[in-house]
Amino acid sequence: MKRKLLFLIGLAIGYVVGARAGREKYDKLRATTERYWRDPRVTKVRSDVESYARTQAPIIRDRAGAAAKAAPGAIADAAKDVADKTSTLAKDVADKTSTLARDVADKTSTTAKDVADKTTATAKSVAGRVTDAADDVKDQVVKTASDLRGRGEEAVERVTLSVSEARDRALDVEDDEDDLPTK
């Protein structure tokens, strides 16, 4: 019954506020509302609701007061729980971040050492190869120089021999000319 009454009141207010039909409709609605408002059944329900509200008001007031008194403690407890959980979570995140940072630093250090070792080994290998290549070039240069020296000495000997032979022949020809009668 209470719901019906509230519904009708809401319907009437909505109609009045939203009606565009003019004063005549408003007056008609107002008359109908007043008739229902004075109806003995509505009057009885109204008095029952007022009586119920008067008897329940002290109980509701006491409950509201108790709830208001308990609210700060409950709110404080909830806030403390949230703060504790937040603190624990922050510590966990910090610990995990710290552990992760240490792991990354260790892996970076290990990788850097591995790269340095590999670079050193590669440099030694390259130095060894360069030294071997330089030794091979040196040996080839020495061998080529020795061959050239040998060839040069042989050429000098051949030239010396050829010059000696040419001189001897020239001298022989001159001696032969001296031995010829003069005319």
Protein backbone atom coordinates (compact mmCIF):
# COMPACT_ATOMS: atom_id res chain seq x y z
CA MET A 1 0.00 0.00 0.00
CA LYS A 2 2.88 2.34 0.84
CA ARG A 3 4.42 1.69 -2.51
CA LYS A 4 1.20 2.43 -4.33
CA LEU A 5 0.82 5.71 -2.47
CA LEU A 6 4.37 6.77 -3.23
CA PHE A 7 3.92 5.73 -6.83
CA LEU A 8 0.74 7.80 -7.18
CA ILE A 9 2.36 10.83 -5.55
CA GLY A 10 5.35 10.53 -7.85
CA LEU A 11 3.08 10.10 -10.85
CA ALA A 12 1.08 13.16 -9.92
CA ILE A 13 4.18 15.31 -9.40
CA GLY A 14 5.64 14.12 -12.66
CA TYR A 15 2.44 14.85 -14.50
CA VAL A 16 2.11 18.30 -12.99
CA VAL A 17 5.71 19.21 -13.71
CA GLY A 18 5.63 17.77 -17.19
CA ALA A 19 2.07 18.66 -18.25
CA ARG A 20 1.61 21.20 -20.99
CA ALA A 21 -2.16 21.02 -21.08
CA GLY A 22 -2.61 24.09 -18.95
CA ARG A 23 -4.37 25.13 -15.79
CA GLU A 24 -7.51 23.07 -16.36
CA LYS A 25 -5.67 19.75 -16.30
CA TYR A 26 -3.65 20.91 -13.29
CA ASP A 27 -6.78 21.80 -11.36
CA LYS A 28 -8.39 18.49 -12.24
CA LEU A 29 -5.33 16.58 -11.08
CA ARG A 30 -5.12 18.61 -7.90
CA ALA A 31 -8.76 17.88 -7.09
CA THR A 32 -8.22 14.15 -7.65
CA THR A 33 -5.11 14.20 -5.46
CA GLU A 34 -6.93 16.02 -2.66
CA ARG A 35 -9.82 13.55 -2.85
CA TYR A 36 -7.40 10.62 -2.46
CA TRP A 37 -5.52 12.45 0.27
CA ARG A 38 -8.72 12.85 2.30
CA ASP A 39 -9.89 9.31 1.62
CA PRO A 40 -10.27 7.48 4.98
CA ARG A 41 -8.11 4.57 3.83
CA VAL A 42 -5.23 6.92 2.89
CA THR A 43 -5.70 8.84 6.13
CA LYS A 44 -5.46 5.56 8.08
CA VAL A 45 -2.32 4.52 6.21
CA ARG A 46 -0.83 7.95 6.83
CA SER A 47 -1.47 7.76 10.54
CA ASP A 48 -0.10 4.18 10.65
CA VAL A 49 3.09 5.33 8.92
CA GLU A 50 3.45 8.28 11.28
CA SER A 51 2.92 6.04 14.29
CA TYR A 52 5.42 3.49 12.99
CA ALA A 53 7.96 6.24 12.32
CA ARG A 54 7.52 7.66 15.85
CA THR A 55 8.04 4.25 17.44
CA GLN A 56 11.01 3.36 15.23
CA ALA A 57 12.71 6.79 15.36
CA PRO A 58 14.44 6.21 18.74
CA ILE A 59 15.60 2.76 17.65
CA ILE A 60 16.92 4.07 14.36
CA ARG A 61 18.55 7.01 16.14
CA ASP A 62 20.32 4.65 18.58
CA ARG A 63 21.49 2.38 15.77
CA ALA A 64 22.71 5.35 13.75
CA GLY A 65 24.58 6.67 16.81
CA ALA A 66 26.18 3.28 17.45
CA ALA A 67 27.14 3.01 13.80
CA ALA A 68 28.57 6.54 13.87
CA LYS A 69 30.58 5.72 17.01
CA ALA A 70 31.84 2.46 15.51
CA ALA A 71 32.63 3.97 12.12
CA PRO A 72 35.85 5.78 13.11
CA GLY A 73 37.27 2.58 14.64
CA ALA A 74 36.23 0.49 11.65
CA ILE A 75 37.60 3.08 9.26
CA ALA A 76 40.84 3.29 11.24
CA ASP A 77 41.16 -0.50 11.26
CA ALA A 78 40.53 -0.67 7.53
CA ALA A 79 43.02 2.14 6.92
CA LYS A 80 45.62 0.35 9.05
CA ASP A 81 45.04 -2.89 7.14
CA VAL A 82 45.42 -1.05 3.83
CA ALA A 83 48.58 0.68 5.08
CA ASP A 84 50.05 -2.63 6.28
CA LYS A 85 49.25 -4.34 2.99
CA THR A 86 50.67 -1.40 1.03
CA SER A 87 53.84 -1.42 3.14
CA THR A 88 54.27 -5.17 2.70
CA LEU A 89 53.68 -4.88 -1.03
CA ALA A 90 56.14 -1.99 -1.31
CA LYS A 91 58.80 -4.00 0.57
CA ASP A 92 58.20 -7.02 -1.68
CA VAL A 93 58.50 -4.87 -4.80
CA ALA A 94 61.68 -3.23 -3.46
CA ASP A 95 63.20 -6.64 -2.60
CA LYS A 96 62.34 -8.05 -6.02
CA THR A 97 63.69 -4.94 -7.75
CA SER A 98 66.90 -5.12 -5.74
CA THR A 99 67.33 -8.82 -6.49
CA LEU A 100 66.67 -8.23 -10.16
CA ALA A 101 69.15 -5.35 -10.25
CA ARG A 102 71.82 -7.55 -8.63
CA ASP A 103 71.12 -10.32 -11.13
CA VAL A 104 71.39 -7.90 -14.04
CA ALA A 105 74.63 -6.45 -12.63
CA ASP A 106 76.09 -9.94 -12.16
CA LYS A 107 75.10 -11.02 -15.66
CA THR A 108 76.47 -7.78 -17.12
CA SER A 109 79.75 -8.26 -15.26
CA THR A 110 80.00 -11.88 -16.38
CA THR A 111 79.22 -10.93 -19.97
CA ALA A 112 81.79 -8.12 -19.88
CA LYS A 113 84.43 -10.54 -18.54
CA ASP A 114 83.54 -13.08 -21.24
CA VAL A 115 83.79 -10.42 -23.94
CA ALA A 116 87.13 -9.21 -22.53
CA ASP A 117 88.47 -12.79 -22.42
CA LYS A 118 87.31 -13.48 -25.97
CA THR A 119 88.76 -10.17 -27.16
CA THR A 120 92.09 -10.94 -25.50
CA ALA A 121 92.15 -14.45 -26.97
CA THR A 122 91.26 -13.09 -30.42
CA ALA A 123 93.92 -10.38 -30.14
CA LYS A 124 96.55 -12.96 -29.13
CA SER A 125 95.49 -15.19 -32.01
CA VAL A 126 95.67 -12.31 -34.48
CA ALA A 127 99.05 -11.24 -33.06
CA GLY A 128 100.31 -14.80 -33.48
CA ARG A 129 99.08 -14.94 -37.05
CA VAL A 130 100.59 -11.54 -37.84
CA THR A 131 103.90 -12.65 -36.31
CA ASP A 132 103.82 -15.87 -38.33
CA ALA A 133 102.98 -13.94 -41.50
CA ALA A 134 105.78 -11.43 -40.75
CA ASP A 135 108.22 -14.31 -40.20
CA ASP A 136 107.12 -15.89 -43.49
CA VAL A 137 107.57 -12.56 -45.31
CA LYS A 138 110.98 -12.09 -43.66
CA ASP A 139 112.03 -15.60 -44.71
CA GLN A 140 110.83 -14.93 -48.27
CA VAL A 141 112.71 -11.59 -48.36
CA VAL A 142 115.88 -13.24 -47.03
CA LYS A 143 115.54 -16.06 -49.54
CA THR A 144 114.87 -13.63 -52.40
CA ALA A 145 117.79 -11.42 -51.33
CA SER A 146 120.04 -14.44 -51.11
CA ASP A 147 118.92 -15.60 -54.56
CA LEU A 148 119.47 -12.11 -55.97
CA ARG A 149 122.90 -11.88 -54.33
CA GLY A 150 123.82 -15.27 -55.76
CA ARG A 151 122.57 -14.27 -59.19
CA GLY A 152 124.36 -10.92 -58.91
CA GLU A 153 127.63 -12.61 -57.99
CA GLU A 154 127.21 -15.05 -60.86
CA ALA A 155 126.49 -12.15 -63.24
CA VAL A 156 129.54 -10.26 -61.96
CA GLU A 157 131.67 -13.36 -62.50
CA ARG A 158 130.27 -13.83 -66.01
CA VAL A 159 130.81 -10.17 -66.86
CA THR A 160 134.30 -10.29 -65.39
CA LEU A 161 135.05 -13.43 -67.38
CA SER A 162 133.56 -11.90 -70.54
CA VAL A 163 135.54 -8.68 -70.06
CA SER A 164 138.71 -10.69 -69.43
CA GLU A 165 138.11 -12.74 -72.53
CA ALA A 166 137.35 -9.64 -74.57
CA ARG A 167 140.53 -7.96 -73.29
CA ASP A 168 142.57 -11.03 -74.04
CA ARG A 169 141.18 -11.16 -77.56
CA ALA A 170 141.78 -7.48 -78.03
CA LEU A 171 145.30 -7.91 -76.85
CA ASP A 172 145.78 -10.90 -79.12
CA VAL A 173 144.55 -8.93 -82.09
CA GLU A 174 146.93 -6.10 -81.26
CA ASP A 175 149.82 -8.52 -80.90
CA ASP A 176 148.94 -10.03 -84.20
CA GLU A 177 148.99 -6.62 -85.79
CA ASP A 178 152.38 -5.98 -84.33
CA ASP A 179 153.63 -9.19 -85.78
CA LEU A 180 152.52 -8.31 -89.29
CA PRO A 181 155.03 -6.74 -91.63
CA THR A 182 154.60 -3.11 -92.13
CA LYS A 183 154.23 -2.07 -95.64
